[in-house]
Amino acid sequence: MMISLGGDAARHYWLTQGMARAVDVNISEAIQAGAITHEDLGIMVVRCRMCNRATQCTGWLGQHGAGAPELPGFCANKTDLEALRGK
Protein backbone atom coordinates (compact mmCIF):
# COMPACT_ATOMS: atom_id res chain seq x y z
CA MET A 1 0.00 0.00 0.00
CA MET A 2 1.42 3.39 -1.00
CA ILE A 3 0.73 6.34 1.26
CA SER A 4 0.87 9.74 -0.38
CA LEU A 5 1.35 12.60 2.00
CA GLY A 6 1.87 16.22 1.25
CA GLY A 7 2.77 19.30 3.25
CA ASP A 8 1.76 19.23 6.89
CA ALA A 9 0.81 15.54 6.87
CA ALA A 10 4.26 14.59 5.58
CA ARG A 11 5.92 16.57 8.38
CA HIS A 12 3.91 14.74 11.02
CA TYR A 13 4.46 11.38 9.36
CA TRP A 14 8.21 11.94 9.64
CA LEU A 15 7.93 13.25 13.20
CA THR A 16 6.04 10.08 14.13
CA GLN A 17 8.70 7.96 12.42
CA GLY A 18 11.46 9.91 14.20
CA MET A 19 9.88 9.48 17.61
CA ALA A 20 9.50 5.76 16.92
CA ARG A 21 13.16 5.44 15.94
CA ALA A 22 14.17 7.36 19.07
CA VAL A 23 12.86 4.49 21.19
CA ASP A 24 14.16 1.83 18.79
CA VAL A 25 10.86 1.07 17.08
CA ASN A 26 10.82 0.38 13.36
CA ILE A 27 7.30 1.21 12.14
CA SER A 28 7.69 -0.79 8.91
CA GLU A 29 8.76 -3.88 10.83
CA ALA A 30 5.91 -3.39 13.33
CA ILE A 31 3.42 -3.33 10.44
CA GLN A 32 4.97 -6.42 8.82
CA ALA A 33 4.89 -8.25 12.16
CA GLY A 34 1.22 -7.39 12.62
CA ALA A 35 1.86 -5.34 15.78
CA ILE A 36 0.11 -2.38 14.13
CA THR A 37 -1.77 -1.74 10.90
CA HIS A 38 -1.45 1.00 8.31
CA GLU A 39 -4.64 2.40 9.81
CA ASP A 40 -2.98 2.51 13.25
CA LEU A 41 -0.08 4.44 11.74
CA GLY A 42 -2.55 6.83 10.10
CA ILE A 43 -4.20 7.42 13.47
CA MET A 44 -0.81 8.18 15.03
CA VAL A 45 -0.02 10.67 12.28
CA VAL A 46 -3.41 12.38 12.75
CA ARG A 47 -2.83 12.48 16.51
CA CYS A 48 0.56 14.08 15.87
CA ARG A 49 -1.01 16.63 13.50
CA MET A 50 -3.54 17.59 16.17
CA CYS A 51 -0.77 18.31 18.68
CA ASN A 52 0.66 21.82 18.74
CA ARG A 53 4.15 20.80 19.86
CA ALA A 54 5.81 19.84 16.56
CA THR A 55 8.57 22.40 17.13
CA GLN A 56 9.28 20.87 20.55
CA CYS A 57 9.38 17.40 18.99
CA THR A 58 11.86 18.53 16.37
CA GLY A 59 14.10 20.03 19.05
CA TRP A 60 13.83 16.95 21.26
CA LEU A 61 14.69 14.66 18.34
CA GLY A 62 17.69 16.83 17.53
CA GLN A 63 18.99 16.42 21.06
CA HIS A 64 18.12 12.78 21.73
CA GLY A 65 17.97 10.94 18.41
CA ALA A 66 18.06 7.15 18.70
CA GLY A 67 18.46 5.25 21.93
CA ALA A 68 16.26 7.37 24.17
CA PRO A 69 14.96 5.48 27.20
CA GLU A 70 11.52 7.05 26.74
CA LEU A 71 9.71 9.68 24.75
CA PRO A 72 8.93 13.08 26.22
CA GLY A 73 5.67 13.38 28.12
CA PHE A 74 4.32 15.85 25.57
CA CYS A 75 4.46 13.30 22.71
CA ALA A 76 0.91 12.52 21.60
CA ASN A 77 2.00 9.01 20.59
CA LYS A 78 4.21 8.23 23.59
CA THR A 79 2.11 5.37 24.96
CA ASP A 80 1.56 3.65 21.60
CA LEU A 81 5.14 3.98 20.40
CA GLU A 82 6.70 2.84 23.66
CA ALA A 83 4.32 -0.15 23.72
CA LEU A 84 5.75 -1.27 20.37
CA ARG A 85 9.28 -1.52 21.72
CA GLY A 86 10.50 -5.11 21.51
CA LYS A 87 7.58 -6.31 19.37
PDB file of N, CA and C in Angstrom:
ATOM      1  N   MET A   1       0.846  -1.176   0.000  1.00  0.00           N
ATOM      2  CA  MET A   1       0.000   0.000   0.000  1.00  0.00           C
ATOM      3  C   MET A   1       0.890   1.236   0.000  1.00  0.00           C
ATOM      4  N   MET A   2       0.661   2.141  -0.926  1.00  0.00           N
ATOM      5  CA  MET A   2       1.416   3.393  -0.996  1.00  0.00           C
ATOM      6  C   MET A   2       0.638   4.480  -0.275  1.00  0.00           C
ATOM      7  N   ILE A   3       1.339   5.219   0.560  1.00  0.00           N
ATOM      8  CA  ILE A   3       0.726   6.338   1.257  1.00  0.00           C
ATOM      9  C   ILE A   3       1.296   7.605   0.655  1.00  0.00           C
ATOM     10  N   SER A   4       0.439   8.470   0.189  1.00  0.00           N
ATOM     11  CA  SER A   4       0.871   9.737  -0.383  1.00  0.00           C
ATOM     12  C   SER A   4       0.522  10.854   0.580  1.00  0.00           C
ATOM     13  N   LEU A   5       1.550  11.519   1.057  1.00  0.00           N
ATOM     14  CA  LEU A   5       1.349  12.599   2.004  1.00  0.00           C
ATOM     15  C   LEU A   5       1.968  13.867   1.451  1.00  0.00           C
ATOM     16  N   GLY A   6       1.310  14.953   1.673  1.00  0.00           N
ATOM     17  CA  GLY A   6       1.870  16.223   1.253  1.00  0.00           C
ATOM     18  C   GLY A   6       1.869  17.205   2.399  1.00  0.00           C
ATOM     19  N   GLY A   7       2.742  18.188   2.310  1.00  0.00           N
ATOM     20  CA  GLY A   7       2.766  19.299   3.251  1.00  0.00           C
ATOM     21  C   GLY A   7       2.813  18.909   4.711  1.00  0.00           C
ATOM     22  N   ASP A   8       1.837  19.403   5.445  1.00  0.00           N
ATOM     23  CA  ASP A   8       1.760  19.225   6.888  1.00  0.00           C
ATOM     24  C   ASP A   8       1.685  17.759   7.287  1.00  0.00           C
ATOM     25  N   ALA A   9       0.937  16.964   6.546  1.00  0.00           N
ATOM     26  CA  ALA A   9       0.807  15.544   6.870  1.00  0.00           C
ATOM     27  C   ALA A   9       2.159  14.848   6.763  1.00  0.00           C
ATOM     28  N   ALA A  10       2.937  15.193   5.751  1.00  0.00           N
ATOM     29  CA  ALA A  10       4.261  14.587   5.584  1.00  0.00           C
ATOM     30  C   ALA A  10       5.154  14.929   6.769  1.00  0.00           C
ATOM     31  N   ARG A  11       5.103  16.159   7.230  1.00  0.00           N
ATOM     32  CA  ARG A  11       5.917  16.567   8.382  1.00  0.00           C
ATOM     33  C   ARG A  11       5.583  15.703   9.598  1.00  0.00           C
ATOM     34  N   HIS A  12       4.318  15.501   9.836  1.00  0.00           N
ATOM     35  CA  HIS A  12       3.910  14.743  11.019  1.00  0.00           C
ATOM     36  C   HIS A  12       4.146  13.242  10.848  1.00  0.00           C
ATOM     37  N   TYR A  13       4.088  12.765   9.624  1.00  0.00           N
ATOM     38  CA  TYR A  13       4.463  11.378   9.359  1.00  0.00           C
ATOM     39  C   TYR A  13       5.920  11.170   9.762  1.00  0.00           C
ATOM     40  N   TRP A  14       6.789  12.081   9.329  1.00  0.00           N
ATOM     41  CA  TRP A  14       8.214  11.939   9.635  1.00  0.00           C
ATOM     42  C   TRP A  14       8.514  12.197  11.107  1.00  0.00           C
ATOM     43  N   LEU A  15       7.762  13.072  11.754  1.00  0.00           N
ATOM     44  CA  LEU A  15       7.933  13.245  13.199  1.00  0.00           C
ATOM     45  C   LEU A  15       7.550  11.962  13.937  1.00  0.00           C
ATOM     46  N   THR A  16       6.462  11.336  13.510  1.00  0.00           N
ATOM     47  CA  THR A  16       6.041  10.080  14.126  1.00  0.00           C
ATOM     48  C   THR A  16       7.108   9.009  13.921  1.00  0.00           C
ATOM     49  N   GLN A  17       7.630   8.922  12.712  1.00  0.00           N
ATOM     50  CA  GLN A  17       8.704   7.960  12.424  1.00  0.00           C
ATOM     51  C   GLN A  17       9.937   8.260  13.279  1.00  0.00           C
ATOM     52  N   GLY A  18      10.285   9.529  13.410  1.00  0.00           N
ATOM     53  CA  GLY A  18      11.458   9.913  14.201  1.00  0.00           C
ATOM     54  C   GLY A  18      11.298   9.567  15.667  1.00  0.00           C
ATOM     55  N   MET A  19      10.126   9.825  16.209  1.00  0.00           N
ATOM     56  CA  MET A  19       9.880   9.484  17.607  1.00  0.00           C
ATOM     57  C   MET A  19       9.938   7.968  17.799  1.00  0.00           C
ATOM     58  N   ALA A  20       9.427   7.225  16.838  1.00  0.00           N
ATOM     59  CA  ALA A  20       9.501   5.760  16.921  1.00  0.00           C
ATOM     60  C   ALA A  20      10.957   5.312  16.930  1.00  0.00           C
ATOM     61  N   ARG A  21      11.740   5.825  16.007  1.00  0.00           N
ATOM     62  CA  ARG A  21      13.156   5.443  15.940  1.00  0.00           C
ATOM     63  C   ARG A  21      13.898   5.818  17.218  1.00  0.00           C
ATOM     64  N   ALA A  22      13.496   6.918  17.838  1.00  0.00           N
ATOM     65  CA  ALA A  22      14.169   7.361  19.066  1.00  0.00           C
ATOM     66  C   ALA A  22      14.084   6.318  20.174  1.00  0.00           C
ATOM     67  N   VAL A  23      13.006   5.543  20.178  1.00  0.00           N
ATOM     68  CA  VAL A  23      12.863   4.487  21.189  1.00  0.00           C
ATOM     69  C   VAL A  23      13.026   3.098  20.554  1.00  0.00           C
ATOM     70  N   ASP A  24      13.783   3.076  19.446  1.00  0.00           N
ATOM     71  CA  ASP A  24      14.162   1.828  18.785  1.00  0.00           C
ATOM     72  C   ASP A  24      12.977   1.020  18.275  1.00  0.00           C
ATOM     73  N   VAL A  25      12.006   1.725  17.699  1.00  0.00           N
ATOM     74  CA  VAL A  25      10.857   1.072  17.083  1.00  0.00           C
ATOM     75  C   VAL A  25      10.922   1.333  15.584  1.00  0.00           C
ATOM     76  N   ASN A  26      10.857   0.272  14.809  1.00  0.00           N
ATOM     77  CA  ASN A  26      10.816   0.379  13.358  1.00  0.00           C
ATOM     78  C   ASN A  26       9.360   0.173  12.937  1.00  0.00           C
ATOM     79  N   ILE A  27       8.728   1.254  12.494  1.00  0.00           N
ATOM     80  CA  ILE A  27       7.304   1.206  12.137  1.00  0.00           C
ATOM     81  C   ILE A  27       7.040   0.191  11.024  1.00  0.00           C
ATOM     82  N   SER A  28       7.888   0.164  10.010  1.00  0.00           N
ATOM     83  CA  SER A  28       7.690  -0.787   8.905  1.00  0.00           C
ATOM     84  C   SER A  28       7.724  -2.221   9.406  1.00  0.00           C
ATOM     85  N   GLU A  29       8.677  -2.526  10.274  1.00  0.00           N
ATOM     86  CA  GLU A  29       8.761  -3.880  10.829  1.00  0.00           C
ATOM     87  C   GLU A  29       7.562  -4.182  11.718  1.00  0.00           C
ATOM     88  N   ALA A  30       7.090  -3.189  12.461  1.00  0.00           N
ATOM     89  CA  ALA A  30       5.914  -3.391  13.328  1.00  0.00           C
ATOM     90  C   ALA A  30       4.685  -3.712  12.488  1.00  0.00           C
ATOM     91  N   ILE A  31       4.550  -3.051  11.343  1.00  0.00           N
ATOM     92  CA  ILE A  31       3.423  -3.331  10.441  1.00  0.00           C
ATOM     93  C   ILE A  31       3.559  -4.734   9.861  1.00  0.00           C
ATOM     94  N   GLN A  32       4.753  -5.082   9.400  1.00  0.00           N
ATOM     95  CA  GLN A  32       4.974  -6.418   8.825  1.00  0.00           C
ATOM     96  C   GLN A  32       4.734  -7.519   9.844  1.00  0.00           C
ATOM     97  N   ALA A  33       5.068  -7.256  11.103  1.00  0.00           N
ATOM     98  CA  ALA A  33       4.886  -8.250  12.157  1.00  0.00           C
ATOM     99  C   ALA A  33       3.444  -8.325  12.648  1.00  0.00           C
ATOM    100  N   GLY A  34       2.614  -7.390  12.209  1.00  0.00           N
ATOM    101  CA  GLY A  34       1.219  -7.386  12.622  1.00  0.00           C
ATOM    102  C   GLY A  34       0.984  -6.713  13.969  1.00  0.00           C
ATOM    103  N   ALA A  35       2.011  -6.039  14.500  1.00  0.00           N
ATOM    104  CA  ALA A  35       1.858  -5.344  15.781  1.00  0.00           C
ATOM    105  C   ALA A  35       0.967  -4.118  15.639  1.00  0.00           C
ATOM    106  N   ILE A  36       1.004  -3.499  14.458  1.00  0.00           N
ATOM    107  CA  ILE A  36       0.112  -2.380  14.131  1.00  0.00           C
ATOM    108  C   ILE A  36      -0.294  -2.505  12.668  1.00  0.00           C
ATOM    109  N   THR A  37      -1.306  -1.761  12.291  1.00  0.00           N
ATOM    110  CA  THR A  37      -1.773  -1.743  10.903  1.00  0.00           C
ATOM    111  C   THR A  37      -1.431  -0.387  10.279  1.00  0.00           C
ATOM    112  N   HIS A  38      -1.622  -0.299   8.971  1.00  0.00           N
ATOM    113  CA  HIS A  38      -1.452   0.997   8.306  1.00  0.00           C
ATOM    114  C   HIS A  38      -2.449   2.006   8.881  1.00  0.00           C
ATOM    115  N   GLU A  39      -3.629   1.522   9.216  1.00  0.00           N
ATOM    116  CA  GLU A  39      -4.642   2.399   9.812  1.00  0.00           C
ATOM    117  C   GLU A  39      -4.155   2.930  11.161  1.00  0.00           C
ATOM    118  N   ASP A  40      -3.529   2.073  11.968  1.00  0.00           N
ATOM    119  CA  ASP A  40      -2.975   2.510  13.254  1.00  0.00           C
ATOM    120  C   ASP A  40      -1.938   3.608  13.044  1.00  0.00           C
ATOM    121  N   LEU A  41      -1.087   3.419  12.049  1.00  0.00           N
ATOM    122  CA  LEU A  41      -0.083   4.441  11.741  1.00  0.00           C
ATOM    123  C   LEU A  41      -0.767   5.732  11.332  1.00  0.00           C
ATOM    124  N   GLY A  42      -1.803   5.635  10.511  1.00  0.00           N
ATOM    125  CA  GLY A  42      -2.550   6.829  10.104  1.00  0.00           C
ATOM    126  C   GLY A  42      -3.134   7.568  11.295  1.00  0.00           C
ATOM    127  N   ILE A  43      -3.642   6.810  12.255  1.00  0.00           N
ATOM    128  CA  ILE A  43      -4.204   7.419  13.470  1.00  0.00           C
ATOM    129  C   ILE A  43      -3.107   8.138  14.247  1.00  0.00           C
ATOM    130  N   MET A  44      -1.923   7.521  14.331  1.00  0.00           N
ATOM    131  CA  MET A  44      -0.815   8.175  15.034  1.00  0.00           C
ATOM    132  C   MET A  44      -0.403   9.472  14.348  1.00  0.00           C
ATOM    133  N   VAL A  45      -0.391   9.463  13.016  1.00  0.00           N
ATOM    134  CA  VAL A  45      -0.024  10.672  12.276  1.00  0.00           C
ATOM    135  C   VAL A  45      -1.071  11.766  12.507  1.00  0.00           C
ATOM    136  N   VAL A  46      -2.342  11.405  12.484  1.00  0.00           N
ATOM    137  CA  VAL A  46      -3.408  12.381  12.751  1.00  0.00           C
ATOM    138  C   VAL A  46      -3.278  12.922  14.172  1.00  0.00           C
ATOM    139  N   ARG A  47      -3.004  12.049  15.113  1.00  0.00           N
ATOM    140  CA  ARG A  47      -2.828  12.479  16.506  1.00  0.00           C
ATOM    141  C   ARG A  47      -1.665  13.470  16.605  1.00  0.00           C
ATOM    142  N   CYS A  48      -0.596  13.179  15.899  1.00  0.00           N
ATOM    143  CA  CYS A  48       0.561  14.085  15.871  1.00  0.00           C
ATOM    144  C   CYS A  48       0.171  15.429  15.253  1.00  0.00           C
ATOM    145  N   ARG A  49      -0.586  15.391  14.166  1.00  0.00           N
ATOM    146  CA  ARG A  49      -1.015  16.629  13.499  1.00  0.00           C
ATOM    147  C   ARG A  49      -1.885  17.489  14.405  1.00  0.00           C
ATOM    148  N   MET A  50      -2.642  16.849  15.283  1.00  0.00           N
ATOM    149  CA  MET A  50      -3.538  17.593  16.165  1.00  0.00           C
ATOM    150  C   MET A  50      -2.790  18.235  17.334  1.00  0.00           C
ATOM    151  N   CYS A  51      -1.588  17.784  17.586  1.00  0.00           N
ATOM    152  CA  CYS A  51      -0.769  18.310  18.676  1.00  0.00           C
ATOM    153  C   CYS A  51      -0.095  19.606  18.215  1.00  0.00           C
ATOM    154  N   ASN A  52       0.046  20.534  19.111  1.00  0.00           N
ATOM    155  CA  ASN A  52       0.659  21.818  18.743  1.00  0.00           C
ATOM    156  C   ASN A  52       2.123  21.923  19.170  1.00  0.00           C
ATOM    157  N   ARG A  53       2.766  20.790  19.360  1.00  0.00           N
ATOM    158  CA  ARG A  53       4.146  20.803  19.864  1.00  0.00           C
ATOM    159  C   ARG A  53       5.161  20.260  18.856  1.00  0.00           C
ATOM    160  N   ALA A  54       4.903  20.369  17.575  1.00  0.00           N
ATOM    161  CA  ALA A  54       5.814  19.845  16.558  1.00  0.00           C
ATOM    162  C   ALA A  54       7.200  20.466  16.675  1.00  0.00           C
ATOM    163  N   THR A  55       7.273  21.735  16.992  1.00  0.00           N
ATOM    164  CA  THR A  55       8.570  22.397  17.132  1.00  0.00           C
ATOM    165  C   THR A  55       9.339  21.798  18.306  1.00  0.00           C
ATOM    166  N   GLN A  56       8.646  21.512  19.405  1.00  0.00           N
ATOM    167  CA  GLN A  56       9.283  20.869  20.552  1.00  0.00           C
ATOM    168  C   GLN A  56       9.776  19.473  20.184  1.00  0.00           C
ATOM    169  N   CYS A  57       8.993  18.744  19.410  1.00  0.00           N
ATOM    170  CA  CYS A  57       9.385  17.397  18.990  1.00  0.00           C
ATOM    171  C   CYS A  57      10.657  17.454  18.153  1.00  0.00           C
ATOM    172  N   THR A  58      10.687  18.384  17.228  1.00  0.00           N
ATOM    173  CA  THR A  58      11.859  18.526  16.367  1.00  0.00           C
ATOM    174  C   THR A  58      13.095  18.810  17.209  1.00  0.00           C
ATOM    175  N   GLY A  59      12.976  19.713  18.171  1.00  0.00           N
ATOM    176  CA  GLY A  59      14.096  20.033  19.055  1.00  0.00           C
ATOM    177  C   GLY A  59      14.512  18.838  19.892  1.00  0.00           C
ATOM    178  N   TRP A  60      13.536  18.120  20.431  1.00  0.00           N
ATOM    179  CA  TRP A  60      13.827  16.946  21.255  1.00  0.00           C
ATOM    180  C   TRP A  60      14.544  15.889  20.428  1.00  0.00           C
ATOM    181  N   LEU A  61      14.053  15.644  19.215  1.00  0.00           N
ATOM    182  CA  LEU A  61      14.686  14.657  18.343  1.00  0.00           C
ATOM    183  C   LEU A  61      16.118  15.061  18.013  1.00  0.00           C
ATOM    184  N   GLY A  62      16.350  16.355  17.815  1.00  0.00           N
ATOM    185  CA  GLY A  62      17.694  16.832  17.529  1.00  0.00           C
ATOM    186  C   GLY A  62      18.656  16.599  18.685  1.00  0.00           C
ATOM    187  N   GLN A  63      18.139  16.614  19.883  1.00  0.00           N
ATOM    188  CA  GLN A  63      18.986  16.418  21.056  1.00  0.00           C
ATOM    189  C   GLN A  63      19.129  14.952  21.455  1.00  0.00           C
ATOM    190  N   HIS A  64      18.112  14.141  21.220  1.00  0.00           N
ATOM    191  CA  HIS A  64      18.117  12.776  21.730  1.00  0.00           C
ATOM    192  C   HIS A  64      18.322  11.703  20.675  1.00  0.00           C
ATOM    193  N   GLY A  65      17.806  11.932  19.467  1.00  0.00           N
ATOM    194  CA  GLY A  65      17.970  10.941  18.407  1.00  0.00           C
ATOM    195  C   GLY A  65      17.596   9.535  18.843  1.00  0.00           C
ATOM    196  N   ALA A  66      18.354   8.551  18.377  1.00  0.00           N
ATOM    197  CA  ALA A  66      18.063   7.149  18.698  1.00  0.00           C
ATOM    198  C   ALA A  66      18.593   6.775  20.084  1.00  0.00           C
ATOM    199  N   GLY A  67      17.990   5.782  20.657  1.00  0.00           N
ATOM    200  CA  GLY A  67      18.456   5.252  21.928  1.00  0.00           C
ATOM    201  C   GLY A  67      17.915   5.942  23.158  1.00  0.00           C
ATOM    202  N   ALA A  68      16.861   6.707  23.011  1.00  0.00           N
ATOM    203  CA  ALA A  68      16.261   7.373  24.167  1.00  0.00           C
ATOM    204  C   ALA A  68      15.543   6.333  25.026  1.00  0.00           C
ATOM    205  N   PRO A  69      15.648   6.447  26.351  1.00  0.00           N
ATOM    206  CA  PRO A  69      14.963   5.481  27.204  1.00  0.00           C
ATOM    207  C   PRO A  69      13.448   5.611  27.158  1.00  0.00           C
ATOM    208  N   GLU A  70      12.962   6.817  26.872  1.00  0.00           N
ATOM    209  CA  GLU A  70      11.524   7.049  26.744  1.00  0.00           C
ATOM    210  C   GLU A  70      11.292   8.332  25.957  1.00  0.00           C
ATOM    211  N   LEU A  71      10.082   8.478  25.478  1.00  0.00           N
ATOM    212  CA  LEU A  71       9.707   9.683  24.748  1.00  0.00           C
ATOM    213  C   LEU A  71       9.295  10.753  25.745  1.00  0.00           C
ATOM    214  N   PRO A  72       9.347  12.008  25.313  1.00  0.00           N
ATOM    215  CA  PRO A  72       8.931  13.082  26.224  1.00  0.00           C
ATOM    216  C   PRO A  72       7.435  12.990  26.531  1.00  0.00           C
ATOM    217  N   GLY A  73       7.062  13.446  27.688  1.00  0.00           N
ATOM    218  CA  GLY A  73       5.670  13.382  28.120  1.00  0.00           C
ATOM    219  C   GLY A  73       4.717  14.111  27.205  1.00  0.00           C
ATOM    220  N   PHE A  74       5.208  15.087  26.453  1.00  0.00           N
ATOM    221  CA  PHE A  74       4.321  15.846  25.573  1.00  0.00           C
ATOM    222  C   PHE A  74       4.036  15.146  24.249  1.00  0.00           C
ATOM    223  N   CYS A  75       4.681  14.003  23.978  1.00  0.00           N
ATOM    224  CA  CYS A  75       4.461  13.297  22.713  1.00  0.00           C
ATOM    225  C   CYS A  75       3.068  12.671  22.709  1.00  0.00           C
ATOM    226  N   ALA A  76       2.283  13.024  21.713  1.00  0.00           N
ATOM    227  CA  ALA A  76       0.907  12.516  21.604  1.00  0.00           C
ATOM    228  C   ALA A  76       0.857  11.009  21.374  1.00  0.00           C
ATOM    229  N   ASN A  77       1.952  10.437  20.889  1.00  0.00           N
ATOM    230  CA  ASN A  77       1.997   9.008  20.592  1.00  0.00           C
ATOM    231  C   ASN A  77       2.894   8.223  21.542  1.00  0.00           C
ATOM    232  N   LYS A  78       3.286   8.835  22.630  1.00  0.00           N
ATOM    233  CA  LYS A  78       4.210   8.225  23.588  1.00  0.00           C
ATOM    234  C   LYS A  78       3.774   6.814  23.993  1.00  0.00           C
ATOM    235  N   THR A  79       2.573   6.663  24.456  1.00  0.00           N
ATOM    236  CA  THR A  79       2.108   5.370  24.957  1.00  0.00           C
ATOM    237  C   THR A  79       2.136   4.305  23.864  1.00  0.00           C
ATOM    238  N   ASP A  80       1.610   4.636  22.692  1.00  0.00           N
ATOM    239  CA  ASP A  80       1.559   3.650  21.605  1.00  0.00           C
ATOM    240  C   ASP A  80       2.945   3.274  21.116  1.00  0.00           C
ATOM    241  N   LEU A  81       3.802   4.265  20.930  1.00  0.00           N
ATOM    242  CA  LEU A  81       5.137   3.978  20.402  1.00  0.00           C
ATOM    243  C   LEU A  81       5.985   3.205  21.414  1.00  0.00           C
ATOM    244  N   GLU A  82       5.913   3.565  22.663  1.00  0.00           N
ATOM    245  CA  GLU A  82       6.700   2.839  23.659  1.00  0.00           C
ATOM    246  C   GLU A  82       6.178   1.410  23.836  1.00  0.00           C
ATOM    247  N   ALA A  83       4.879   1.197  23.632  1.00  0.00           N
ATOM    248  CA  ALA A  83       4.317  -0.154  23.721  1.00  0.00           C
ATOM    249  C   ALA A  83       4.819  -1.063  22.607  1.00  0.00           C
ATOM    250  N   LEU A  84       5.258  -0.482  21.497  1.00  0.00           N
ATOM    251  CA  LEU A  84       5.751  -1.266  20.370  1.00  0.00           C
ATOM    252  C   LEU A  84       7.198  -1.729  20.547  1.00  0.00           C
ATOM    253  N   ARG A  85       7.882  -1.156  21.497  1.00  0.00           N
ATOM    254  CA  ARG A  85       9.279  -1.516  21.719  1.00  0.00           C
ATOM    255  C   ARG A  85       9.392  -3.014  22.005  1.00  0.00           C
ATOM    256  N   GLY A  86      10.271  -3.673  21.287  1.00  0.00           N
ATOM    257  CA  GLY A  86      10.497  -5.108  21.509  1.00  0.00           C
ATOM    258  C   GLY A  86       9.485  -6.013  20.848  1.00  0.00           C
ATOM    259  N   LYS A  87       8.573  -5.465  20.058  1.00  0.00           N
ATOM    260  CA  LYS A  87       7.579  -6.310  19.368  1.00  0.00           C
ATOM    261  C   LYS A  87       7.956  -6.521  17.933  1.00  0.00           C
TER     262      LYS A  87
END
